[in-house]
PDB file of N, CA and C in Angstrom:
ATOM      1  N   UNK A   1     115.559 114.108 110.707  1.00  0.00           N
ATOM      2  CA  UNK A   1     114.684 113.606 109.889  1.00  0.00           C
ATOM      3  C   UNK A   1     113.346 113.707 110.339  1.00  0.00           C
ATOM      4  N   UNK A   2     112.895 114.138 111.665  1.00  0.00           N
ATOM      5  CA  UNK A   2     111.576 114.278 111.947  1.00  0.00           C
ATOM      6  C   UNK A   2     111.006 115.971 111.323  1.00  0.00           C
ATOM      7  N   UNK A   3     112.144 116.768 111.121  1.00  0.00           N
ATOM      8  CA  UNK A   3     111.658 117.881 110.330  1.00  0.00           C
ATOM      9  C   UNK A   3     111.234 117.467 108.935  1.00  0.00           C
ATOM     10  N   UNK A   4     111.931 116.660 108.344  1.00  0.00           N
ATOM     11  CA  UNK A   4     111.848 116.317 107.002  1.00  0.00           C
ATOM     12  C   UNK A   4     110.460 115.660 106.859  1.00  0.00           C
ATOM     13  N   UNK A   5     110.029 114.866 107.643  1.00  0.00           N
ATOM     14  CA  UNK A   5     108.671 114.057 107.853  1.00  0.00           C
ATOM     15  C   UNK A   5     107.683 115.189 108.038  1.00  0.00           C
ATOM     16  N   UNK A   6     107.716 116.365 108.937  1.00  0.00           N
ATOM     17  CA  UNK A   6     106.990 117.274 109.076  1.00  0.00           C
ATOM     18  C   UNK A   6     106.896 118.119 107.751  1.00  0.00           C
ATOM     19  N   UNK A   7     107.745 118.358 106.965  1.00  0.00           N
ATOM     20  CA  UNK A   7     107.670 119.036 106.068  1.00  0.00           C
ATOM     21  C   UNK A   7     106.792 118.395 104.800  1.00  0.00           C
ATOM     22  N   UNK A   8     107.215 116.911 104.814  1.00  0.00           N
ATOM     23  CA  UNK A   8     106.360 116.219 104.013  1.00  0.00           C
ATOM     24  C   UNK A   8     105.063 116.258 104.041  1.00  0.00           C
ATOM     25  N   UNK A   9     104.534 116.318 105.292  1.00  0.00           N
ATOM     26  CA  UNK A   9     103.099 116.102 105.747  1.00  0.00           C
ATOM     27  C   UNK A   9     102.260 117.467 105.203  1.00  0.00           C
ATOM     28  N   UNK A  10     103.100 118.501 105.055  1.00  0.00           N
ATOM     29  CA  UNK A  10     102.703 119.660 104.549  1.00  0.00           C
ATOM     30  C   UNK A  10     102.733 119.793 103.119  1.00  0.00           C
ATOM     31  N   UNK A  11     103.109 118.943 102.374  1.00  0.00           N
ATOM     32  CA  UNK A  11     103.145 118.680 100.897  1.00  0.00           C
ATOM     33  C   UNK A  11     101.978 117.898 100.537  1.00  0.00           C
ATOM     34  N   UNK A  12     101.593 117.963  98.977  1.00  0.00           N
ATOM     35  CA  UNK A  12     100.642 116.936  98.465  1.00  0.00           C
ATOM     36  C   UNK A  12     101.332 115.578  98.481  1.00  0.00           C
ATOM     37  N   UNK A  13     100.448 114.427  98.525  1.00  0.00           N
ATOM     38  CA  UNK A  13     100.953 113.267  98.280  1.00  0.00           C
ATOM     39  C   UNK A  13     101.498 113.123  96.992  1.00  0.00           C
ATOM     40  N   UNK A  14     102.600 112.445  96.633  1.00  0.00           N
ATOM     41  CA  UNK A  14     103.051 112.284  95.409  1.00  0.00           C
ATOM     42  C   UNK A  14     103.682 113.418  94.831  1.00  0.00           C
ATOM     43  N   UNK A  15     104.195 114.476  95.359  1.00  0.00           N
ATOM     44  CA  UNK A  15     104.730 115.642  95.009  1.00  0.00           C
ATOM     45  C   UNK A  15     106.418 115.390  95.263  1.00  0.00           C
ATOM     46  N   UNK A  16     107.024 115.058  94.200  1.00  0.00           N
ATOM     47  CA  UNK A  16     108.574 114.519  94.466  1.00  0.00           C
ATOM     48  C   UNK A  16     109.365 115.746  94.500  1.00  0.00           C
ATOM     49  N   UNK A  17     108.911 116.848  93.970  1.00  0.00           N
ATOM     50  CA  UNK A  17     109.769 118.206  94.246  1.00  0.00           C
ATOM     51  C   UNK A  17     110.155 118.458  95.442  1.00  0.00           C
ATOM     52  N   UNK A  18     109.182 117.965  96.635  1.00  0.00           N
ATOM     53  CA  UNK A  18     109.821 118.485  98.078  1.00  0.00           C
ATOM     54  C   UNK A  18     111.224 117.771  98.077  1.00  0.00           C
ATOM     55  N   UNK A  19     111.152 116.541  97.586  1.00  0.00           N
ATOM     56  CA  UNK A  19     112.396 115.644  97.907  1.00  0.00           C
ATOM     57  C   UNK A  19     113.730 116.073  97.286  1.00  0.00           C
ATOM     58  N   UNK A  20     113.438 116.847  96.352  1.00  0.00           N
ATOM     59  CA  UNK A  20     114.786 117.412  95.582  1.00  0.00           C
ATOM     60  C   UNK A  20     115.145 118.609  95.751  1.00  0.00           C
ATOM     61  N   UNK A  21     114.103 119.553  96.526  1.00  0.00           N
ATOM     62  CA  UNK A  21     114.692 120.993  96.703  1.00  0.00           C
ATOM     63  C   UNK A  21     114.371 121.132  98.304  1.00  0.00           C
ATOM     64  N   UNK A  22     113.629 120.575  99.063  1.00  0.00           N
ATOM     65  CA  UNK A  22     113.288 120.757 100.461  1.00  0.00           C
ATOM     66  C   UNK A  22     114.361 120.633 101.228  1.00  0.00           C
ATOM     67  N   UNK A  23     113.999 120.215 102.449  1.00  0.00           N
ATOM     68  CA  UNK A  23     114.959 120.186 103.508  1.00  0.00           C
ATOM     69  C   UNK A  23     115.908 118.985 103.399  1.00  0.00           C
ATOM     70  N   UNK A  24     115.058 117.798 103.076  1.00  0.00           N
ATOM     71  CA  UNK A  24     115.875 116.588 102.590  1.00  0.00           C
ATOM     72  C   UNK A  24     117.172 116.644 101.800  1.00  0.00           C
ATOM     73  N   UNK A  25     116.702 117.316 100.738  1.00  0.00           N
ATOM     74  CA  UNK A  25     117.960 117.539  99.877  1.00  0.00           C
ATOM     75  C   UNK A  25     118.916 118.395 100.201  1.00  0.00           C
ATOM     76  N   UNK A  26     118.837 119.381 101.032  1.00  0.00           N
ATOM     77  CA  UNK A  26     119.609 120.201 101.867  1.00  0.00           C
ATOM     78  C   UNK A  26     120.466 119.208 102.710  1.00  0.00           C
ATOM     79  N   UNK A  27     119.696 118.474 103.599  1.00  0.00           N
ATOM     80  CA  UNK A  27     120.246 117.661 104.674  1.00  0.00           C
ATOM     81  C   UNK A  27     121.541 116.635 104.071  1.00  0.00           C
ATOM     82  N   UNK A  28     120.862 115.968 103.005  1.00  0.00           N
ATOM     83  CA  UNK A  28     121.686 115.145 102.019  1.00  0.00           C
ATOM     84  C   UNK A  28     122.954 115.621 101.605  1.00  0.00           C
ATOM     85  N   UNK A  29     123.031 116.759 101.079  1.00  0.00           N
ATOM     86  CA  UNK A  29     123.962 117.638 100.505  1.00  0.00           C
ATOM     87  C   UNK A  29     124.787 118.006 101.583  1.00  0.00           C
ATOM     88  N   UNK A  30     124.383 118.543 102.652  1.00  0.00           N
ATOM     89  CA  UNK A  30     125.347 118.970 103.917  1.00  0.00           C
ATOM     90  C   UNK A  30     126.006 117.801 104.358  1.00  0.00           C
ATOM     91  N   UNK A  31     125.380 116.456 104.523  1.00  0.00           N
ATOM     92  CA  UNK A  31     126.196 115.342 105.057  1.00  0.00           C
ATOM     93  C   UNK A  31     127.328 114.776 104.186  1.00  0.00           C
ATOM     94  N   UNK A  32     127.104 114.904 102.814  1.00  0.00           N
ATOM     95  CA  UNK A  32     127.893 114.582 101.924  1.00  0.00           C
ATOM     96  C   UNK A  32     129.271 115.542 101.757  1.00  0.00           C
ATOM     97  N   UNK A  33     128.760 116.791 101.771  1.00  0.00           N
ATOM     98  CA  UNK A  33     129.797 117.895 101.744  1.00  0.00           C
ATOM     99  C   UNK A  33     130.996 118.186 102.844  1.00  0.00           C
ATOM    100  N   UNK A  34     130.174 117.941 103.987  1.00  0.00           N
ATOM    101  CA  UNK A  34     130.928 118.064 105.171  1.00  0.00           C
ATOM    102  C   UNK A  34     131.921 116.955 105.213  1.00  0.00           C
ATOM    103  N   UNK A  35     133.357 117.295 105.432  1.00  0.00           N
ATOM    104  CA  UNK A  35     134.314 116.522 105.429  1.00  0.00           C
ATOM    105  C   UNK A  35     134.463 115.762 107.077  1.00  0.00           C
ATOM    106  N   UNK A  36     134.162 116.308 107.877  1.00  0.00           N
ATOM    107  CA  UNK A  36     134.150 116.100 108.968  1.00  0.00           C
ATOM    108  C   UNK A  36     132.794 115.285 109.714  1.00  0.00           C
ATOM    109  N   UNK A  37     132.017 114.784 108.794  1.00  0.00           N
ATOM    110  CA  UNK A  37     130.862 114.134 109.086  1.00  0.00           C
ATOM    111  C   UNK A  37     130.666 112.888 108.756  1.00  0.00           C
ATOM    112  N   UNK A  38     131.834 112.081 108.839  1.00  0.00           N
ATOM    113  CA  UNK A  38     131.736 110.601 108.702  1.00  0.00           C
ATOM    114  C   UNK A  38     131.171 109.778 109.597  1.00  0.00           C
ATOM    115  N   UNK A  39     130.956 109.895 110.646  1.00  0.00           N
ATOM    116  CA  UNK A  39     130.150 109.289 111.547  1.00  0.00           C
ATOM    117  C   UNK A  39     128.825 109.627 111.487  1.00  0.00           C
ATOM    118  N   UNK A  40     128.453 110.845 111.018  1.00  0.00           N
ATOM    119  CA  UNK A  40     127.068 111.259 110.755  1.00  0.00           C
ATOM    120  C   UNK A  40     126.591 110.480 109.743  1.00  0.00           C
ATOM    121  N   UNK A  41     127.497 110.508 108.615  1.00  0.00           N
ATOM    122  CA  UNK A  41     127.169 109.892 107.201  1.00  0.00           C
ATOM    123  C   UNK A  41     126.844 108.207 107.489  1.00  0.00           C
ATOM    124  N   UNK A  42     127.393 107.829 108.438  1.00  0.00           N
ATOM    125  CA  UNK A  42     127.341 106.194 108.620  1.00  0.00           C
ATOM    126  C   UNK A  42     126.026 105.991 109.262  1.00  0.00           C
ATOM    127  N   UNK A  43     125.767 106.987 110.210  1.00  0.00           N
ATOM    128  CA  UNK A  43     124.370 106.644 111.259  1.00  0.00           C
ATOM    129  C   UNK A  43     123.284 107.117 110.072  1.00  0.00           C
ATOM    130  N   UNK A  44     123.554 108.173 109.530  1.00  0.00           N
ATOM    131  CA  UNK A  44     122.230 108.296 108.237  1.00  0.00           C
ATOM    132  C   UNK A  44     122.318 107.104 107.374  1.00  0.00           C
ATOM    133  N   UNK A  45     123.027 106.475 106.928  1.00  0.00           N
ATOM    134  CA  UNK A  45     122.956 105.168 106.016  1.00  0.00           C
ATOM    135  C   UNK A  45     122.617 104.137 106.803  1.00  0.00           C
ATOM    136  N   UNK A  46     122.686 103.795 107.914  1.00  0.00           N
ATOM    137  CA  UNK A  46     122.501 102.642 108.707  1.00  0.00           C
ATOM    138  C   UNK A  46     120.961 102.849 109.307  1.00  0.00           C
ATOM    139  N   UNK A  47     120.485 104.196 109.542  1.00  0.00           N
ATOM    140  CA  UNK A  47     119.321 104.420 110.287  1.00  0.00           C
ATOM    141  C   UNK A  47     118.121 104.550 109.114  1.00  0.00           C
ATOM    142  N   UNK A  48     118.659 105.101 108.071  1.00  0.00           N
ATOM    143  CA  UNK A  48     117.515 105.639 106.890  1.00  0.00           C
ATOM    144  C   UNK A  48     117.830 105.084 105.629  1.00  0.00           C
ATOM    145  N   UNK A  49     118.915 104.866 105.188  1.00  0.00           N
ATOM    146  CA  UNK A  49     119.117 104.743 103.809  1.00  0.00           C
ATOM    147  C   UNK A  49     118.982 103.399 103.645  1.00  0.00           C
ATOM    148  N   UNK A  50     119.599 102.388 104.590  1.00  0.00           N
ATOM    149  CA  UNK A  50     119.577 101.028 104.601  1.00  0.00           C
ATOM    150  C   UNK A  50     118.006 100.470 104.866  1.00  0.00           C
ATOM    151  N   UNK A  51     117.353 101.407 105.818  1.00  0.00           N
ATOM    152  CA  UNK A  51     116.105 100.632 106.393  1.00  0.00           C
ATOM    153  C   UNK A  51     114.858 101.230 105.325  1.00  0.00           C
ATOM    154  N   UNK A  52     114.883 102.410 104.528  1.00  0.00           N
ATOM    155  CA  UNK A  52     113.700 102.819 103.791  1.00  0.00           C
ATOM    156  C   UNK A  52     113.880 103.141 102.284  1.00  0.00           C
ATOM    157  N   UNK A  53     113.016 102.594 101.626  1.00  0.00           N
ATOM    158  CA  UNK A  53     113.482 102.546  99.997  1.00  0.00           C
ATOM    159  C   UNK A  53     113.130 103.757  99.654  1.00  0.00           C
ATOM    160  N   UNK A  54     111.964 104.598 100.143  1.00  0.00           N
ATOM    161  CA  UNK A  54     111.777 105.928  99.628  1.00  0.00           C
ATOM    162  C   UNK A  54     113.107 106.980  99.808  1.00  0.00           C
ATOM    163  N   UNK A  55     113.645 106.770 101.016  1.00  0.00           N
ATOM    164  CA  UNK A  55     114.904 107.600 101.511  1.00  0.00           C
ATOM    165  C   UNK A  55     116.029 107.117 100.508  1.00  0.00           C
ATOM    166  N   UNK A  56     116.375 105.826 100.550  1.00  0.00           N
ATOM    167  CA  UNK A  56     117.383 105.379  99.636  1.00  0.00           C
ATOM    168  C   UNK A  56     117.231 105.985  98.377  1.00  0.00           C
ATOM    169  N   UNK A  57     116.036 106.023  97.687  1.00  0.00           N
ATOM    170  CA  UNK A  57     115.999 106.263  96.334  1.00  0.00           C
ATOM    171  C   UNK A  57     116.048 107.792  96.189  1.00  0.00           C
ATOM    172  N   UNK A  58     115.703 108.790  97.098  1.00  0.00           N
ATOM    173  CA  UNK A  58     115.540 110.141  96.675  1.00  0.00           C
ATOM    174  C   UNK A  58     117.183 110.618  97.414  1.00  0.00           C
ATOM    175  N   UNK A  59     117.766 109.844  98.195  1.00  0.00           N
ATOM    176  CA  UNK A  59     119.029 110.044  98.473  1.00  0.00           C
ATOM    177  C   UNK A  59     119.991 109.909  97.295  1.00  0.00           C
ATOM    178  N   UNK A  60     119.689 108.746  96.603  1.00  0.00           N
ATOM    179  CA  UNK A  60     120.535 108.589  95.236  1.00  0.00           C
ATOM    180  C   UNK A  60     120.314 109.388  94.105  1.00  0.00           C
ATOM    181  N   UNK A  61     118.870 109.810  93.965  1.00  0.00           N
ATOM    182  CA  UNK A  61     118.454 110.837  93.156  1.00  0.00           C
ATOM    183  C   UNK A  61     118.983 112.309  93.273  1.00  0.00           C
ATOM    184  N   UNK A  62     119.295 112.508  94.352  1.00  0.00           N
ATOM    185  CA  UNK A  62     119.837 113.829  94.872  1.00  0.00           C
ATOM    186  C   UNK A  62     121.357 113.995  94.346  1.00  0.00           C
ATOM    187  N   UNK A  63     122.104 112.712  94.518  1.00  0.00           N
ATOM    188  CA  UNK A  63     123.497 112.556  94.415  1.00  0.00           C
ATOM    189  C   UNK A  63     123.944 112.303  92.983  1.00  0.00           C
ATOM    190  N   UNK A  64     122.852 111.859  92.157  1.00  0.00           N
ATOM    191  CA  UNK A  64     123.227 111.607  90.805  1.00  0.00           C
ATOM    192  C   UNK A  64     123.520 112.587  90.007  1.00  0.00           C
TER     193      UNK A  64
END
């Protein structure tokens, strides 16, 4: 997630395109697609999805 934050710093504020096509989208899709990543999914949800509204919103937007 530190890399996602650094990617966001380089983009203009309010640009939602980065969330849908950038590193964050790849990260979420990989976590969801990998069958052996159940503990990683749980940690991602606990640390980020449940904690941050923007992460939760964009994660659900990617999976919709």
